[in-house]
């Protein structure tokens, strides 16, 4: 492969990564402001195996600030400040609606999803090791190949995922499993709908 072709491939991959994060932040910002944070299809990709078989029809994924500890501390505070789920929810929406999704460059491209302990879906995804997350919403489509791994409870992205979910789900599963999805932007696609 020539250096020029490799450089063009890297530029294309970086452009897709930036476009995806910008789209994710915009869609999440709209959901928080207009739909009380309810996940939209942009946040719930279908999960395909490398052979194209459907492993999950929709799975809610989170995107995270590069400084996960910063957002985690705000979300944890919102959860722990009250036992009232409604008050938690409203406080969480205010946090996310303010500045949380304002700057796409502040986000890492690693996505996460939370599952209950012993979840057959989580086990299937871990066994596959590589999946394709197929996002479609508002006239945009992204097919993002990802490496799947399980995060340990002290991992900053595990904690960010846990506290984000605790904010919106007062009945969190005991001993949740958090999976990370690390994109391969060289193989990602943005097909036309």
C-alpha atoms as a PDB file:
ATOM      1  CA  UNK A   1       0.000   0.000   0.000  1.00  0.00           C
ATOM      2  CA  UNK A   2       1.420   3.341  -0.947  1.00  0.00           C
ATOM      3  CA  UNK A   3       1.873   6.024   1.662  1.00  0.00           C
ATOM      4  CA  UNK A   4      -0.648   8.233  -0.172  1.00  0.00           C
ATOM      5  CA  UNK A   5      -3.334   5.522  -0.151  1.00  0.00           C
ATOM      6  CA  UNK A   6      -2.682   4.794   3.526  1.00  0.00           C
ATOM      7  CA  UNK A   7      -2.915   8.508   4.366  1.00  0.00           C
ATOM      8  CA  UNK A   8      -6.228   8.804   2.469  1.00  0.00           C
ATOM      9  CA  UNK A   9      -7.535   5.770   4.374  1.00  0.00           C
ATOM     10  CA  UNK A  10      -6.573   7.363   7.685  1.00  0.00           C
ATOM     11  CA  UNK A  11      -8.199  10.675   6.697  1.00  0.00           C
ATOM     12  CA  UNK A  12     -11.390   8.858   5.677  1.00  0.00           C
ATOM     13  CA  UNK A  13     -11.447   6.912   8.960  1.00  0.00           C
ATOM     14  CA  UNK A  14     -10.862  10.065  11.014  1.00  0.00           C
ATOM     15  CA  UNK A  15     -13.579  11.898   9.070  1.00  0.00           C
ATOM     16  CA  UNK A  16     -16.059   9.090   9.786  1.00  0.00           C
ATOM     17  CA  UNK A  17     -15.124   9.083  13.468  1.00  0.00           C
ATOM     18  CA  UNK A  18     -15.656  12.854  13.746  1.00  0.00           C
ATOM     19  CA  UNK A  19     -18.947  12.734  11.786  1.00  0.00           C
ATOM     20  CA  UNK A  20     -20.229   9.900  13.971  1.00  0.00           C
ATOM     21  CA  UNK A  21     -19.404  11.637  17.274  1.00  0.00           C
ATOM     22  CA  UNK A  22     -20.909  14.911  16.044  1.00  0.00           C
ATOM     23  CA  UNK A  23     -24.100  13.073  15.020  1.00  0.00           C
ATOM     24  CA  UNK A  24     -24.268  11.161  18.306  1.00  0.00           C
ATOM     25  CA  UNK A  25     -23.908  14.330  20.385  1.00  0.00           C
ATOM     26  CA  UNK A  26     -26.524  16.173  18.307  1.00  0.00           C
ATOM     27  CA  UNK A  27     -29.023  13.303  18.509  1.00  0.00           C
ATOM     28  CA  UNK A  28     -28.509  12.821  22.244  1.00  0.00           C
ATOM     29  CA  UNK A  29     -28.810  16.533  22.902  1.00  0.00           C
ATOM     30  CA  UNK A  30     -32.126  16.589  21.004  1.00  0.00           C
ATOM     31  CA  UNK A  31     -33.396  13.526  22.903  1.00  0.00           C
ATOM     32  CA  UNK A  32     -32.592  15.110  26.263  1.00  0.00           C
ATOM     33  CA  UNK A  33     -34.173  18.443  25.368  1.00  0.00           C
ATOM     34  CA  UNK A  34     -37.193  17.247  23.360  1.00  0.00           C
ATOM     35  CA  UNK A  35     -38.010  13.708  24.525  1.00  0.00           C
ATOM     36  CA  UNK A  36     -37.056  13.580  28.218  1.00  0.00           C
ATOM     37  CA  UNK A  37     -33.915  11.612  27.350  1.00  0.00           C
ATOM     38  CA  UNK A  38     -35.728   8.598  25.872  1.00  0.00           C
ATOM     39  CA  UNK A  39     -33.292   6.645  23.700  1.00  0.00           C
ATOM     40  CA  UNK A  40     -33.821   7.111  19.976  1.00  0.00           C
ATOM     41  CA  UNK A  41     -32.742   4.718  17.210  1.00  0.00           C
ATOM     42  CA  UNK A  42     -29.489   6.742  16.997  1.00  0.00           C
ATOM     43  CA  UNK A  43     -28.653   5.406  20.474  1.00  0.00           C
ATOM     44  CA  UNK A  44     -29.956   1.865  19.872  1.00  0.00           C
ATOM     45  CA  UNK A  45     -28.042   0.196  17.047  1.00  0.00           C
ATOM     46  CA  UNK A  46     -28.752  -3.267  15.753  1.00  0.00           C
ATOM     47  CA  UNK A  47     -25.849  -5.583  16.543  1.00  0.00           C
ATOM     48  CA  UNK A  48     -24.627  -7.842  13.761  1.00  0.00           C
ATOM     49  CA  UNK A  49     -22.058 -10.597  13.811  1.00  0.00           C
ATOM     50  CA  UNK A  50     -19.129 -10.400  11.404  1.00  0.00           C
ATOM     51  CA  UNK A  51     -21.084 -12.844   9.228  1.00  0.00           C
ATOM     52  CA  UNK A  52     -24.051 -10.432   9.084  1.00  0.00           C
ATOM     53  CA  UNK A  53     -26.305 -12.434  11.396  1.00  0.00           C
ATOM     54  CA  UNK A  54     -28.426 -10.431  13.845  1.00  0.00           C
ATOM     55  CA  UNK A  55     -27.105 -10.765  17.419  1.00  0.00           C
ATOM     56  CA  UNK A  56     -29.408  -8.089  18.914  1.00  0.00           C
ATOM     57  CA  UNK A  57     -32.131  -6.095  17.182  1.00  0.00           C
ATOM     58  CA  UNK A  58     -31.470  -2.992  19.313  1.00  0.00           C
ATOM     59  CA  UNK A  59     -29.056  -2.254  22.141  1.00  0.00           C
ATOM     60  CA  UNK A  60     -28.776   1.073  23.965  1.00  0.00           C
ATOM     61  CA  UNK A  61     -25.205   2.364  23.914  1.00  0.00           C
ATOM     62  CA  UNK A  62     -23.628   5.304  25.686  1.00  0.00           C
ATOM     63  CA  UNK A  63     -20.937   7.658  24.446  1.00  0.00           C
ATOM     64  CA  UNK A  64     -18.546   9.127  27.001  1.00  0.00           C
ATOM     65  CA  UNK A  65     -16.462  12.192  27.718  1.00  0.00           C
ATOM     66  CA  UNK A  66     -12.729  11.578  27.463  1.00  0.00           C
ATOM     67  CA  UNK A  67     -12.647  12.742  31.078  1.00  0.00           C
ATOM     68  CA  UNK A  68     -15.113  10.083  32.266  1.00  0.00           C
ATOM     69  CA  UNK A  69     -14.415  10.849  35.928  1.00  0.00           C
ATOM     70  CA  UNK A  70     -15.803  14.379  35.474  1.00  0.00           C
ATOM     71  CA  UNK A  71     -19.181  13.264  34.110  1.00  0.00           C
ATOM     72  CA  UNK A  72     -19.304  10.266  36.453  1.00  0.00           C
ATOM     73  CA  UNK A  73     -18.969  12.497  39.522  1.00  0.00           C
ATOM     74  CA  UNK A  74     -21.883  14.680  38.374  1.00  0.00           C
ATOM     75  CA  UNK A  75     -24.100  11.691  37.589  1.00  0.00           C
ATOM     76  CA  UNK A  76     -23.205   9.908  40.818  1.00  0.00           C
ATOM     77  CA  UNK A  77     -24.007  13.044  42.813  1.00  0.00           C
ATOM     78  CA  UNK A  78     -27.395  13.291  41.066  1.00  0.00           C
ATOM     79  CA  UNK A  79     -28.204   9.667  41.987  1.00  0.00           C
ATOM     80  CA  UNK A  80     -26.993   9.843  45.580  1.00  0.00           C
ATOM     81  CA  UNK A  81     -28.499  13.222  46.474  1.00  0.00           C
ATOM     82  CA  UNK A  82     -32.056  11.857  46.688  1.00  0.00           C
ATOM     83  CA  UNK A  83     -33.994   8.600  46.880  1.00  0.00           C
ATOM     84  CA  UNK A  84     -36.829  10.095  44.819  1.00  0.00           C
ATOM     85  CA  UNK A  85     -36.539   8.598  41.293  1.00  0.00           C
ATOM     86  CA  UNK A  86     -38.488  11.487  39.752  1.00  0.00           C
ATOM     87  CA  UNK A  87     -36.200  14.094  41.301  1.00  0.00           C
ATOM     88  CA  UNK A  88     -33.127  12.100  40.211  1.00  0.00           C
ATOM     89  CA  UNK A  89     -34.458  11.894  36.690  1.00  0.00           C
ATOM     90  CA  UNK A  90     -35.141  15.631  36.456  1.00  0.00           C
ATOM     91  CA  UNK A  91     -31.727  16.521  37.905  1.00  0.00           C
ATOM     92  CA  UNK A  92     -30.055  14.139  35.462  1.00  0.00           C
ATOM     93  CA  UNK A  93     -31.873  15.706  32.516  1.00  0.00           C
ATOM     94  CA  UNK A  94     -30.699  19.160  33.615  1.00  0.00           C
ATOM     95  CA  UNK A  95     -27.092  17.923  33.757  1.00  0.00           C
ATOM     96  CA  UNK A  96     -27.263  16.323  30.321  1.00  0.00           C
ATOM     97  CA  UNK A  97     -29.213  19.192  28.730  1.00  0.00           C
ATOM     98  CA  UNK A  98     -26.807  21.870  29.934  1.00  0.00           C
ATOM     99  CA  UNK A  99     -23.396  21.363  28.368  1.00  0.00           C
ATOM    100  CA  UNK A 100     -22.869  17.620  28.381  1.00  0.00           C
ATOM    101  CA  UNK A 101     -23.151  17.024  24.617  1.00  0.00           C
ATOM    102  CA  UNK A 102     -21.987  20.451  23.441  1.00  0.00           C
ATOM    103  CA  UNK A 103     -18.481  19.521  22.306  1.00  0.00           C
ATOM    104  CA  UNK A 104     -18.130  16.303  20.250  1.00  0.00           C
ATOM    105  CA  UNK A 105     -14.312  16.575  20.360  1.00  0.00           C
ATOM    106  CA  UNK A 106     -14.504  16.019  24.130  1.00  0.00           C
ATOM    107  CA  UNK A 107     -15.863  12.486  23.590  1.00  0.00           C
ATOM    108  CA  UNK A 108     -14.070   9.196  23.189  1.00  0.00           C
ATOM    109  CA  UNK A 109     -15.333   6.897  20.450  1.00  0.00           C
ATOM    110  CA  UNK A 110     -15.511   3.833  22.729  1.00  0.00           C
ATOM    111  CA  UNK A 111     -19.172   3.067  23.435  1.00  0.00           C
ATOM    112  CA  UNK A 112     -20.593   1.030  26.317  1.00  0.00           C
ATOM    113  CA  UNK A 113     -23.754  -0.903  27.156  1.00  0.00           C
ATOM    114  CA  UNK A 114     -25.031  -2.256  30.474  1.00  0.00           C
ATOM    115  CA  UNK A 115     -26.578  -5.727  30.937  1.00  0.00           C
ATOM    116  CA  UNK A 116     -27.828  -7.757  33.865  1.00  0.00           C
ATOM    117  CA  UNK A 117     -25.545 -10.447  35.265  1.00  0.00           C
ATOM    118  CA  UNK A 118     -25.809 -13.611  33.180  1.00  0.00           C
ATOM    119  CA  UNK A 119     -27.436 -11.801  30.240  1.00  0.00           C
ATOM    120  CA  UNK A 120     -27.558 -14.146  27.215  1.00  0.00           C
ATOM    121  CA  UNK A 121     -27.130 -11.129  24.907  1.00  0.00           C
ATOM    122  CA  UNK A 122     -23.982  -9.987  26.721  1.00  0.00           C
ATOM    123  CA  UNK A 123     -22.604 -13.531  26.585  1.00  0.00           C
ATOM    124  CA  UNK A 124     -23.358 -13.763  22.837  1.00  0.00           C
ATOM    125  CA  UNK A 125     -21.627 -10.451  22.139  1.00  0.00           C
ATOM    126  CA  UNK A 126     -18.561 -11.359  24.188  1.00  0.00           C
ATOM    127  CA  UNK A 127     -18.328 -14.728  22.444  1.00  0.00           C
ATOM    128  CA  UNK A 128     -18.464 -12.996  19.044  1.00  0.00           C
ATOM    129  CA  UNK A 129     -15.592 -10.670  20.068  1.00  0.00           C
ATOM    130  CA  UNK A 130     -16.152  -8.549  16.943  1.00  0.00           C
ATOM    131  CA  UNK A 131     -19.519  -7.100  15.961  1.00  0.00           C
ATOM    132  CA  UNK A 132     -20.946  -4.414  13.705  1.00  0.00           C
ATOM    133  CA  UNK A 133     -23.114  -1.733  15.304  1.00  0.00           C
ATOM    134  CA  UNK A 134     -25.661  -0.607  12.689  1.00  0.00           C
ATOM    135  CA  UNK A 135     -27.056   2.847  13.511  1.00  0.00           C
ATOM    136  CA  UNK A 136     -29.883   4.449  11.528  1.00  0.00           C
ATOM    137  CA  UNK A 137     -31.840   7.582  12.449  1.00  0.00           C
ATOM    138  CA  UNK A 138     -32.862  10.931  10.951  1.00  0.00           C
ATOM    139  CA  UNK A 139     -31.562  10.139   7.490  1.00  0.00           C
ATOM    140  CA  UNK A 140     -28.110   9.009   8.664  1.00  0.00           C
ATOM    141  CA  UNK A 141     -26.653   5.516   8.766  1.00  0.00           C
ATOM    142  CA  UNK A 142     -23.375   4.279  10.235  1.00  0.00           C
ATOM    143  CA  UNK A 143     -22.083   0.700  10.213  1.00  0.00           C
ATOM    144  CA  UNK A 144     -19.302   0.550  12.785  1.00  0.00           C
ATOM    145  CA  UNK A 145     -17.260  -2.642  13.264  1.00  0.00           C
ATOM    146  CA  UNK A 146     -16.219  -2.933  16.918  1.00  0.00           C
ATOM    147  CA  UNK A 147     -14.127  -5.121  19.183  1.00  0.00           C
ATOM    148  CA  UNK A 148     -16.180  -6.186  22.234  1.00  0.00           C
ATOM    149  CA  UNK A 149     -14.750  -6.514  25.740  1.00  0.00           C
ATOM    150  CA  UNK A 150     -16.066  -6.658  29.301  1.00  0.00           C
ATOM    151  CA  UNK A 151     -15.068  -3.830  31.639  1.00  0.00           C
ATOM    152  CA  UNK A 152     -14.087  -4.296  35.267  1.00  0.00           C
ATOM    153  CA  UNK A 153     -16.062  -2.388  37.928  1.00  0.00           C
ATOM    154  CA  UNK A 154     -13.244   0.087  38.684  1.00  0.00           C
ATOM    155  CA  UNK A 155     -12.784   1.042  35.022  1.00  0.00           C
ATOM    156  CA  UNK A 156     -13.781   4.715  34.487  1.00  0.00           C
ATOM    157  CA  UNK A 157     -16.108   3.791  31.587  1.00  0.00           C
ATOM    158  CA  UNK A 158     -17.737   1.054  33.686  1.00  0.00           C
ATOM    159  CA  UNK A 159     -18.427   3.593  36.434  1.00  0.00           C
ATOM    160  CA  UNK A 160     -19.713   6.212  33.968  1.00  0.00           C
ATOM    161  CA  UNK A 161     -22.054   3.620  32.451  1.00  0.00           C
ATOM    162  CA  UNK A 162     -23.239   2.404  35.845  1.00  0.00           C
ATOM    163  CA  UNK A 163     -24.071   5.879  37.181  1.00  0.00           C
ATOM    164  CA  UNK A 164     -25.696   7.020  33.939  1.00  0.00           C
ATOM    165  CA  UNK A 165     -27.981   3.969  34.014  1.00  0.00           C
ATOM    166  CA  UNK A 166     -28.653   4.361  37.752  1.00  0.00           C
ATOM    167  CA  UNK A 167     -29.834   7.890  37.074  1.00  0.00           C
ATOM    168  CA  UNK A 168     -32.563   6.738  34.690  1.00  0.00           C
ATOM    169  CA  UNK A 169     -33.286   3.245  36.036  1.00  0.00           C
ATOM    170  CA  UNK A 170     -34.161   3.065  39.746  1.00  0.00           C
ATOM    171  CA  UNK A 171     -34.186  -0.753  39.532  1.00  0.00           C
ATOM    172  CA  UNK A 172     -30.635  -1.460  38.411  1.00  0.00           C
ATOM    173  CA  UNK A 173     -29.748  -5.131  37.991  1.00  0.00           C
ATOM    174  CA  UNK A 174     -27.455  -6.534  40.693  1.00  0.00           C
ATOM    175  CA  UNK A 175     -23.857  -6.987  39.556  1.00  0.00           C
ATOM    176  CA  UNK A 176     -24.345  -5.478  36.099  1.00  0.00           C
ATOM    177  CA  UNK A 177     -22.082  -6.365  33.202  1.00  0.00           C
ATOM    178  CA  UNK A 178     -20.725  -3.459  31.158  1.00  0.00           C
ATOM    179  CA  UNK A 179     -19.437  -4.152  27.664  1.00  0.00           C
ATOM    180  CA  UNK A 180     -17.169  -1.787  25.746  1.00  0.00           C
ATOM    181  CA  UNK A 181     -17.320  -1.433  21.972  1.00  0.00           C
ATOM    182  CA  UNK A 182     -14.069  -0.127  20.467  1.00  0.00           C
ATOM    183  CA  UNK A 183     -14.629   0.977  16.837  1.00  0.00           C
ATOM    184  CA  UNK A 184     -12.488   0.068  13.850  1.00  0.00           C
ATOM    185  CA  UNK A 185     -12.917   3.248  11.799  1.00  0.00           C
ATOM    186  CA  UNK A 186     -10.811   1.882   8.940  1.00  0.00           C
ATOM    187  CA  UNK A 187     -13.605  -0.619   8.221  1.00  0.00           C
ATOM    188  CA  UNK A 188     -16.573   1.597   9.178  1.00  0.00           C
ATOM    189  CA  UNK A 189     -19.085   2.720   6.581  1.00  0.00           C
ATOM    190  CA  UNK A 190     -21.647   5.450   6.180  1.00  0.00           C
ATOM    191  CA  UNK A 191     -23.958   3.991   3.515  1.00  0.00           C
ATOM    192  CA  UNK A 192     -26.665   6.116   1.942  1.00  0.00           C
ATOM    193  CA  UNK A 193     -30.204   5.292   2.996  1.00  0.00           C
END
